[in-house]
Structures are given as structure tokens and as C-alpha cells.
């Protein structure tokens, strides 16, 4: 059973990589229906919940993988920690991402701090 689970996860990763972003749950389900019809659609649905970092339903899965991020409009995109922030296994935001526009400002503060002298 474990080897079947791993191959299904490999297929899920392949399905996610094959989709242009953003995409919907139905796009992934359609990919499975065409490419891997032997995979239970309920498994696919469950793994989309478990793999979506900001889905609170993922807390019901023992070892959810951080694969996807659900946007405000309901569509999905591949999860990138630097862009989406850090999320708990319960689907709650732990640390917000730092906007790219502020990184230059933070570097200047760090530079000034390192030049600071005691006294």
C-alpha cells in the first residue's frame, strides 16, 4: 500500500507541475481522469486539501505536504515560502512574507546597524 501511496503522490506532483498557474481543483481532477484514471478522485480531492498550506482542513491529515497556496479567488498556485509566507500544519499563517520592495530598505538598516559603534 505504501508504494501505491508514493506513486499517487508522484502523480499529484506531476499534475501540479503540468498546470499553468493559476489553476482550479477541477483542472487537477481532469488531469487525473485523463492520465491516471485508476487513482480515486476522493484521494485527489483530499490531497489537494492536505497540500494547500492555507487550507484549515489540512489539520485532519497526519503529514500534510506544503505544495499549494489557495488565492483569494479560490484558484491554486504552487506554494513558494518566500512569496506566500510560512504556514502551520493547521493551515494558519505563522510568518508573513517580506514584500520584495522592502528588502532594499532592510539591507540599508542592516548595513547601518553593522557600522554602529558602542559609545
N, C-alpha and C. Protein backbone atom coordinates (compact mmCIF):
# COMPACT_ATOMS: atom_id res chain seq x y z
N UNK A 1 0.82 -1.20 0.00
CA UNK A 1 0.00 0.00 0.00
C UNK A 1 0.86 1.26 0.00
N UNK A 2 1.96 1.24 0.74
CA UNK A 2 2.82 2.40 0.82
C UNK A 2 3.38 2.78 -0.55
N UNK A 3 3.77 1.79 -1.35
CA UNK A 3 4.31 2.08 -2.67
C UNK A 3 3.24 2.70 -3.57
N UNK A 4 1.98 2.28 -3.41
CA UNK A 4 0.89 2.89 -4.18
C UNK A 4 0.73 4.34 -3.77
N UNK A 5 0.78 4.60 -2.48
CA UNK A 5 0.66 5.97 -1.97
C UNK A 5 1.76 6.86 -2.54
N UNK A 6 2.97 6.37 -2.56
CA UNK A 6 4.07 7.16 -3.10
C UNK A 6 3.87 7.44 -4.59
N UNK A 7 3.45 6.46 -5.33
CA UNK A 7 3.25 6.70 -6.76
C UNK A 7 2.11 7.68 -7.00
N UNK A 8 1.08 7.63 -6.17
CA UNK A 8 0.00 8.61 -6.29
C UNK A 8 0.52 10.03 -5.99
N UNK A 9 1.39 10.15 -4.99
CA UNK A 9 1.96 11.46 -4.67
C UNK A 9 2.83 11.96 -5.82
N UNK A 10 3.57 11.06 -6.44
CA UNK A 10 4.37 11.45 -7.60
C UNK A 10 3.47 11.96 -8.72
N UNK A 11 2.34 11.28 -8.92
CA UNK A 11 1.39 11.72 -9.93
C UNK A 11 0.79 13.07 -9.58
N UNK A 12 0.51 13.29 -8.30
CA UNK A 12 -0.04 14.59 -7.88
C UNK A 12 0.96 15.70 -8.16
N UNK A 13 2.22 15.47 -7.82
CA UNK A 13 3.24 16.48 -8.11
C UNK A 13 3.35 16.75 -9.61
N UNK A 14 3.27 15.69 -10.40
CA UNK A 14 3.31 15.84 -11.85
C UNK A 14 2.11 16.64 -12.36
N UNK A 15 0.94 16.35 -11.83
CA UNK A 15 -0.27 17.07 -12.23
C UNK A 15 -0.17 18.55 -11.90
N UNK A 16 0.37 18.86 -10.72
CA UNK A 16 0.52 20.25 -10.29
C UNK A 16 1.52 20.97 -11.19
N UNK A 17 2.62 20.31 -11.52
CA UNK A 17 3.63 20.94 -12.37
C UNK A 17 3.14 21.12 -13.80
N UNK A 18 2.23 20.27 -14.24
CA UNK A 18 1.74 20.33 -15.62
C UNK A 18 0.75 21.46 -15.85
N UNK A 19 0.17 21.99 -14.78
CA UNK A 19 -0.86 23.01 -14.92
C UNK A 19 -0.23 24.40 -14.99
N UNK A 20 -0.68 25.24 -15.93
CA UNK A 20 -0.25 26.63 -15.89
C UNK A 20 -0.95 27.33 -14.72
N UNK A 21 -0.24 28.21 -14.06
CA UNK A 21 -0.82 28.90 -12.90
C UNK A 21 -1.60 30.12 -13.31
N UNK A 22 -2.61 30.50 -12.57
CA UNK A 22 -3.26 29.73 -11.52
C UNK A 22 -4.19 28.69 -12.12
N UNK A 23 -4.57 27.70 -11.31
CA UNK A 23 -5.45 26.64 -11.79
C UNK A 23 -6.45 26.28 -10.70
N UNK A 24 -7.47 25.56 -11.07
CA UNK A 24 -8.51 25.16 -10.13
C UNK A 24 -8.39 23.70 -9.75
N UNK A 25 -9.12 23.34 -8.71
CA UNK A 25 -9.17 21.95 -8.28
C UNK A 25 -9.62 21.05 -9.42
N UNK A 26 -10.59 21.53 -10.19
CA UNK A 26 -11.13 20.74 -11.30
C UNK A 26 -10.08 20.46 -12.36
N UNK A 27 -9.13 21.38 -12.55
CA UNK A 27 -8.06 21.16 -13.52
C UNK A 27 -7.20 19.97 -13.12
N UNK A 28 -6.92 19.85 -11.84
CA UNK A 28 -6.12 18.72 -11.35
C UNK A 28 -6.93 17.43 -11.46
N UNK A 29 -8.20 17.49 -11.10
CA UNK A 29 -9.07 16.31 -11.21
C UNK A 29 -9.17 15.84 -12.67
N UNK A 30 -9.27 16.78 -13.60
CA UNK A 30 -9.33 16.44 -15.02
C UNK A 30 -8.02 15.79 -15.47
N UNK A 31 -6.89 16.30 -15.00
CA UNK A 31 -5.60 15.72 -15.34
C UNK A 31 -5.57 14.25 -14.90
N UNK A 32 -6.02 13.99 -13.67
CA UNK A 32 -6.03 12.61 -13.17
C UNK A 32 -7.00 11.74 -13.97
N UNK A 33 -8.16 12.27 -14.32
CA UNK A 33 -9.15 11.49 -15.07
C UNK A 33 -8.58 11.06 -16.42
N UNK A 34 -7.77 11.91 -17.02
CA UNK A 34 -7.19 11.61 -18.33
C UNK A 34 -5.92 10.77 -18.25
N UNK A 35 -5.05 11.09 -17.29
CA UNK A 35 -3.72 10.48 -17.23
C UNK A 35 -3.60 9.32 -16.25
N UNK A 36 -4.42 9.32 -15.20
CA UNK A 36 -4.32 8.28 -14.17
C UNK A 36 -5.71 7.97 -13.62
N UNK A 37 -6.59 7.42 -14.47
CA UNK A 37 -7.98 7.20 -14.05
C UNK A 37 -8.14 6.18 -12.92
N UNK A 38 -7.11 5.40 -12.62
CA UNK A 38 -7.18 4.42 -11.54
C UNK A 38 -7.06 5.05 -10.16
N UNK A 39 -6.62 6.31 -10.11
CA UNK A 39 -6.49 6.99 -8.82
C UNK A 39 -7.88 7.50 -8.39
N UNK A 40 -8.24 7.17 -7.16
CA UNK A 40 -9.54 7.55 -6.62
C UNK A 40 -9.68 9.08 -6.59
N UNK A 41 -10.72 9.64 -7.20
CA UNK A 41 -10.93 11.09 -7.19
C UNK A 41 -11.03 11.67 -5.78
N UNK A 42 -11.54 10.88 -4.83
CA UNK A 42 -11.61 11.36 -3.44
C UNK A 42 -10.21 11.51 -2.84
N UNK A 43 -9.29 10.64 -3.25
CA UNK A 43 -7.90 10.77 -2.80
C UNK A 43 -7.31 12.07 -3.32
N UNK A 44 -7.56 12.35 -4.60
CA UNK A 44 -7.05 13.59 -5.21
C UNK A 44 -7.61 14.80 -4.46
N UNK A 45 -8.90 14.80 -4.23
CA UNK A 45 -9.55 15.90 -3.52
C UNK A 45 -8.94 16.09 -2.13
N UNK A 46 -8.76 14.99 -1.42
CA UNK A 46 -8.17 15.06 -0.09
C UNK A 46 -6.74 15.56 -0.09
N UNK A 47 -5.96 15.13 -1.06
CA UNK A 47 -4.57 15.55 -1.13
C UNK A 47 -4.45 17.02 -1.53
N UNK A 48 -5.41 17.54 -2.28
CA UNK A 48 -5.41 18.97 -2.59
C UNK A 48 -5.64 19.78 -1.31
N UNK A 49 -6.54 19.31 -0.46
CA UNK A 49 -6.76 19.97 0.83
C UNK A 49 -5.51 19.87 1.69
N UNK A 50 -4.98 18.66 1.81
CA UNK A 50 -3.80 18.44 2.66
C UNK A 50 -2.58 19.22 2.17
N UNK A 51 -2.43 19.37 0.87
CA UNK A 51 -1.25 20.02 0.31
C UNK A 51 -1.36 21.52 0.16
N UNK A 52 -2.51 22.09 0.48
CA UNK A 52 -2.71 23.54 0.36
C UNK A 52 -2.42 24.18 1.71
N UNK A 53 -1.34 24.95 1.78
CA UNK A 53 -0.84 25.47 3.05
C UNK A 53 -1.85 26.32 3.81
N UNK A 54 -2.71 27.04 3.11
CA UNK A 54 -3.65 27.91 3.79
C UNK A 54 -5.07 27.33 3.83
N UNK A 55 -5.18 26.02 3.79
CA UNK A 55 -6.47 25.34 3.93
C UNK A 55 -6.53 24.76 5.35
N UNK A 56 -7.46 25.23 6.15
CA UNK A 56 -7.53 24.77 7.54
C UNK A 56 -7.94 23.31 7.66
N UNK A 57 -8.49 22.75 6.59
CA UNK A 57 -8.85 21.34 6.59
C UNK A 57 -7.66 20.41 6.61
N UNK A 58 -6.48 20.94 6.31
CA UNK A 58 -5.28 20.10 6.26
C UNK A 58 -4.89 19.56 7.63
N UNK A 59 -5.42 20.15 8.69
CA UNK A 59 -5.10 19.68 10.04
C UNK A 59 -5.59 18.26 10.28
N UNK A 60 -6.50 17.78 9.44
CA UNK A 60 -7.04 16.44 9.58
C UNK A 60 -6.16 15.37 8.92
N UNK A 61 -5.07 15.78 8.31
CA UNK A 61 -4.16 14.85 7.64
C UNK A 61 -2.89 14.72 8.47
N UNK A 62 -2.39 13.49 8.65
CA UNK A 62 -1.26 13.29 9.56
C UNK A 62 0.03 13.98 9.14
N UNK A 63 0.39 13.98 7.89
CA UNK A 63 1.64 14.60 7.44
C UNK A 63 1.39 15.38 6.15
N UNK A 64 0.71 16.52 6.25
CA UNK A 64 0.43 17.27 5.02
C UNK A 64 1.72 17.83 4.42
N UNK A 65 1.78 17.81 3.11
CA UNK A 65 2.94 18.37 2.39
C UNK A 65 2.59 19.77 1.93
N UNK A 66 3.55 20.66 1.95
CA UNK A 66 3.35 22.05 1.53
C UNK A 66 3.55 22.14 0.02
N UNK A 67 2.46 22.02 -0.73
CA UNK A 67 2.53 22.00 -2.19
C UNK A 67 1.86 23.19 -2.86
N UNK A 68 0.76 23.66 -2.28
CA UNK A 68 -0.08 24.65 -2.97
C UNK A 68 -0.46 25.80 -2.06
N UNK A 69 -0.90 26.89 -2.67
CA UNK A 69 -1.43 28.05 -1.97
C UNK A 69 -2.73 28.43 -2.66
N UNK A 70 -3.81 28.59 -1.88
CA UNK A 70 -5.09 28.99 -2.46
C UNK A 70 -5.20 30.51 -2.43
N UNK A 71 -5.39 31.10 -3.58
CA UNK A 71 -5.51 32.54 -3.72
C UNK A 71 -6.91 32.98 -3.29
N UNK A 72 -7.10 34.29 -3.12
CA UNK A 72 -8.38 34.83 -2.66
C UNK A 72 -9.54 34.46 -3.58
N UNK A 73 -9.28 34.29 -4.87
CA UNK A 73 -10.34 33.95 -5.81
C UNK A 73 -10.64 32.45 -5.85
N UNK A 74 -9.95 31.64 -5.03
CA UNK A 74 -10.22 30.22 -4.95
C UNK A 74 -9.33 29.36 -5.82
N UNK A 75 -8.57 29.98 -6.72
CA UNK A 75 -7.67 29.20 -7.57
C UNK A 75 -6.39 28.88 -6.81
N UNK A 76 -5.65 27.93 -7.35
CA UNK A 76 -4.43 27.45 -6.70
C UNK A 76 -3.19 27.86 -7.49
N UNK A 77 -2.09 27.99 -6.76
CA UNK A 77 -0.78 28.14 -7.38
C UNK A 77 0.22 27.35 -6.55
N UNK A 78 1.35 27.03 -7.15
CA UNK A 78 2.37 26.28 -6.42
C UNK A 78 2.89 27.13 -5.26
N UNK A 79 3.05 26.49 -4.11
CA UNK A 79 3.49 27.18 -2.90
C UNK A 79 4.97 27.53 -2.96
N UNK A 80 5.26 28.79 -2.65
CA UNK A 80 6.63 29.29 -2.55
C UNK A 80 6.72 30.04 -1.23
N UNK A 81 7.52 29.53 -0.31
CA UNK A 81 7.58 30.11 1.04
C UNK A 81 7.89 31.61 1.03
N UNK A 82 8.84 32.04 0.20
CA UNK A 82 9.21 33.45 0.17
C UNK A 82 8.10 34.36 -0.32
N UNK A 83 7.20 33.84 -1.10
CA UNK A 83 6.09 34.64 -1.63
C UNK A 83 4.83 34.51 -0.78
N UNK A 84 4.59 33.31 -0.24
CA UNK A 84 3.33 33.05 0.48
C UNK A 84 3.46 33.06 1.99
N UNK A 85 4.67 33.06 2.51
CA UNK A 85 4.86 33.03 3.95
C UNK A 85 4.94 31.62 4.49
N UNK A 86 5.08 31.51 5.81
CA UNK A 86 5.15 30.21 6.48
C UNK A 86 3.79 29.90 7.08
N UNK A 87 3.36 28.66 6.89
CA UNK A 87 2.05 28.22 7.36
C UNK A 87 2.20 27.01 8.25
N UNK A 88 1.35 26.91 9.25
CA UNK A 88 1.38 25.77 10.15
C UNK A 88 0.71 24.57 9.49
N UNK A 89 0.86 23.42 10.10
CA UNK A 89 0.20 22.21 9.60
C UNK A 89 -1.31 22.30 9.80
N UNK A 90 -1.78 23.32 10.54
CA UNK A 90 -3.21 23.54 10.73
C UNK A 90 -3.77 24.54 9.73
N UNK A 91 -2.91 25.04 8.83
CA UNK A 91 -3.37 25.96 7.80
C UNK A 91 -3.48 27.40 8.24
N UNK A 92 -2.74 27.78 9.28
CA UNK A 92 -2.75 29.17 9.76
C UNK A 92 -1.39 29.82 9.49
N UNK A 93 -1.42 31.10 9.19
CA UNK A 93 -0.20 31.85 8.87
C UNK A 93 0.67 31.96 10.12
N UNK A 94 1.93 31.59 9.98
CA UNK A 94 2.89 31.66 11.07
C UNK A 94 3.77 32.89 10.90
N UNK A 95 4.22 33.13 9.66
CA UNK A 95 5.08 34.27 9.38
C UNK A 95 4.74 34.78 7.99
N UNK A 96 4.39 36.06 7.91
CA UNK A 96 4.04 36.65 6.63
C UNK A 96 5.30 36.86 5.79
N UNK A 97 5.16 36.80 4.46
CA UNK A 97 6.32 37.05 3.59
C UNK A 97 6.73 38.52 3.67
N UNK A 98 8.00 38.78 3.46
CA UNK A 98 8.51 40.15 3.42
C UNK A 98 8.36 40.65 1.99
N UNK A 99 7.65 41.77 1.80
CA UNK A 99 7.49 42.29 0.43
C UNK A 99 8.85 42.57 -0.20
N UNK A 100 8.99 42.23 -1.48
CA UNK A 100 10.26 42.42 -2.18
C UNK A 100 10.70 43.88 -2.17
N UNK A 101 9.77 44.81 -2.20
CA UNK A 101 10.13 46.23 -2.23
C UNK A 101 10.79 46.69 -0.94
N UNK A 102 10.57 45.96 0.16
CA UNK A 102 11.16 46.39 1.43
C UNK A 102 12.52 45.76 1.69
N UNK A 103 12.93 44.80 0.88
CA UNK A 103 14.20 44.14 1.15
C UNK A 103 15.38 45.09 1.00
N UNK A 104 15.32 46.03 0.09
CA UNK A 104 16.40 47.01 -0.06
C UNK A 104 16.50 47.89 1.16
N UNK A 105 15.35 48.29 1.69
CA UNK A 105 15.31 49.11 2.90
C UNK A 105 15.89 48.35 4.09
N UNK A 106 15.54 47.07 4.20
CA UNK A 106 16.05 46.24 5.30
C UNK A 106 17.55 46.07 5.19
N UNK A 107 18.07 45.95 3.99
CA UNK A 107 19.51 45.82 3.81
C UNK A 107 20.23 47.08 4.29
N UNK A 108 19.66 48.25 3.99
CA UNK A 108 20.26 49.52 4.44
C UNK A 108 20.26 49.62 5.96
N UNK A 109 19.18 49.18 6.59
CA UNK A 109 19.12 49.20 8.05
C UNK A 109 20.19 48.26 8.62
N UNK A 110 20.31 47.06 8.04
CA UNK A 110 21.31 46.10 8.49
C UNK A 110 22.72 46.64 8.33
N UNK A 111 22.96 47.33 7.22
CA UNK A 111 24.27 47.92 6.96
C UNK A 111 24.59 48.99 7.99
N UNK A 112 23.63 49.86 8.25
CA UNK A 112 23.83 50.93 9.24
C UNK A 112 24.05 50.34 10.63
N UNK A 113 23.32 49.31 10.96
CA UNK A 113 23.47 48.68 12.27
C UNK A 113 24.85 48.06 12.43
N UNK A 114 25.37 47.44 11.37
CA UNK A 114 26.68 46.80 11.46
C UNK A 114 27.81 47.85 11.58
N UNK A 115 27.59 49.07 11.11
CA UNK A 115 28.60 50.13 11.20
C UNK A 115 28.52 50.86 12.53
N UNK A 116 27.46 50.63 13.28
CA UNK A 116 27.24 51.34 14.54
C UNK A 116 28.32 50.95 15.54
N UNK A 117 28.78 51.95 16.30
CA UNK A 117 29.82 51.71 17.31
C UNK A 117 29.29 52.00 18.70
N UNK A 118 29.82 51.26 19.61
CA UNK A 118 29.42 51.50 21.01
C UNK A 118 29.95 52.85 21.48
N UNK A 119 29.19 53.49 22.34
CA UNK A 119 29.71 54.70 22.94
C UNK A 119 28.93 55.83 22.57
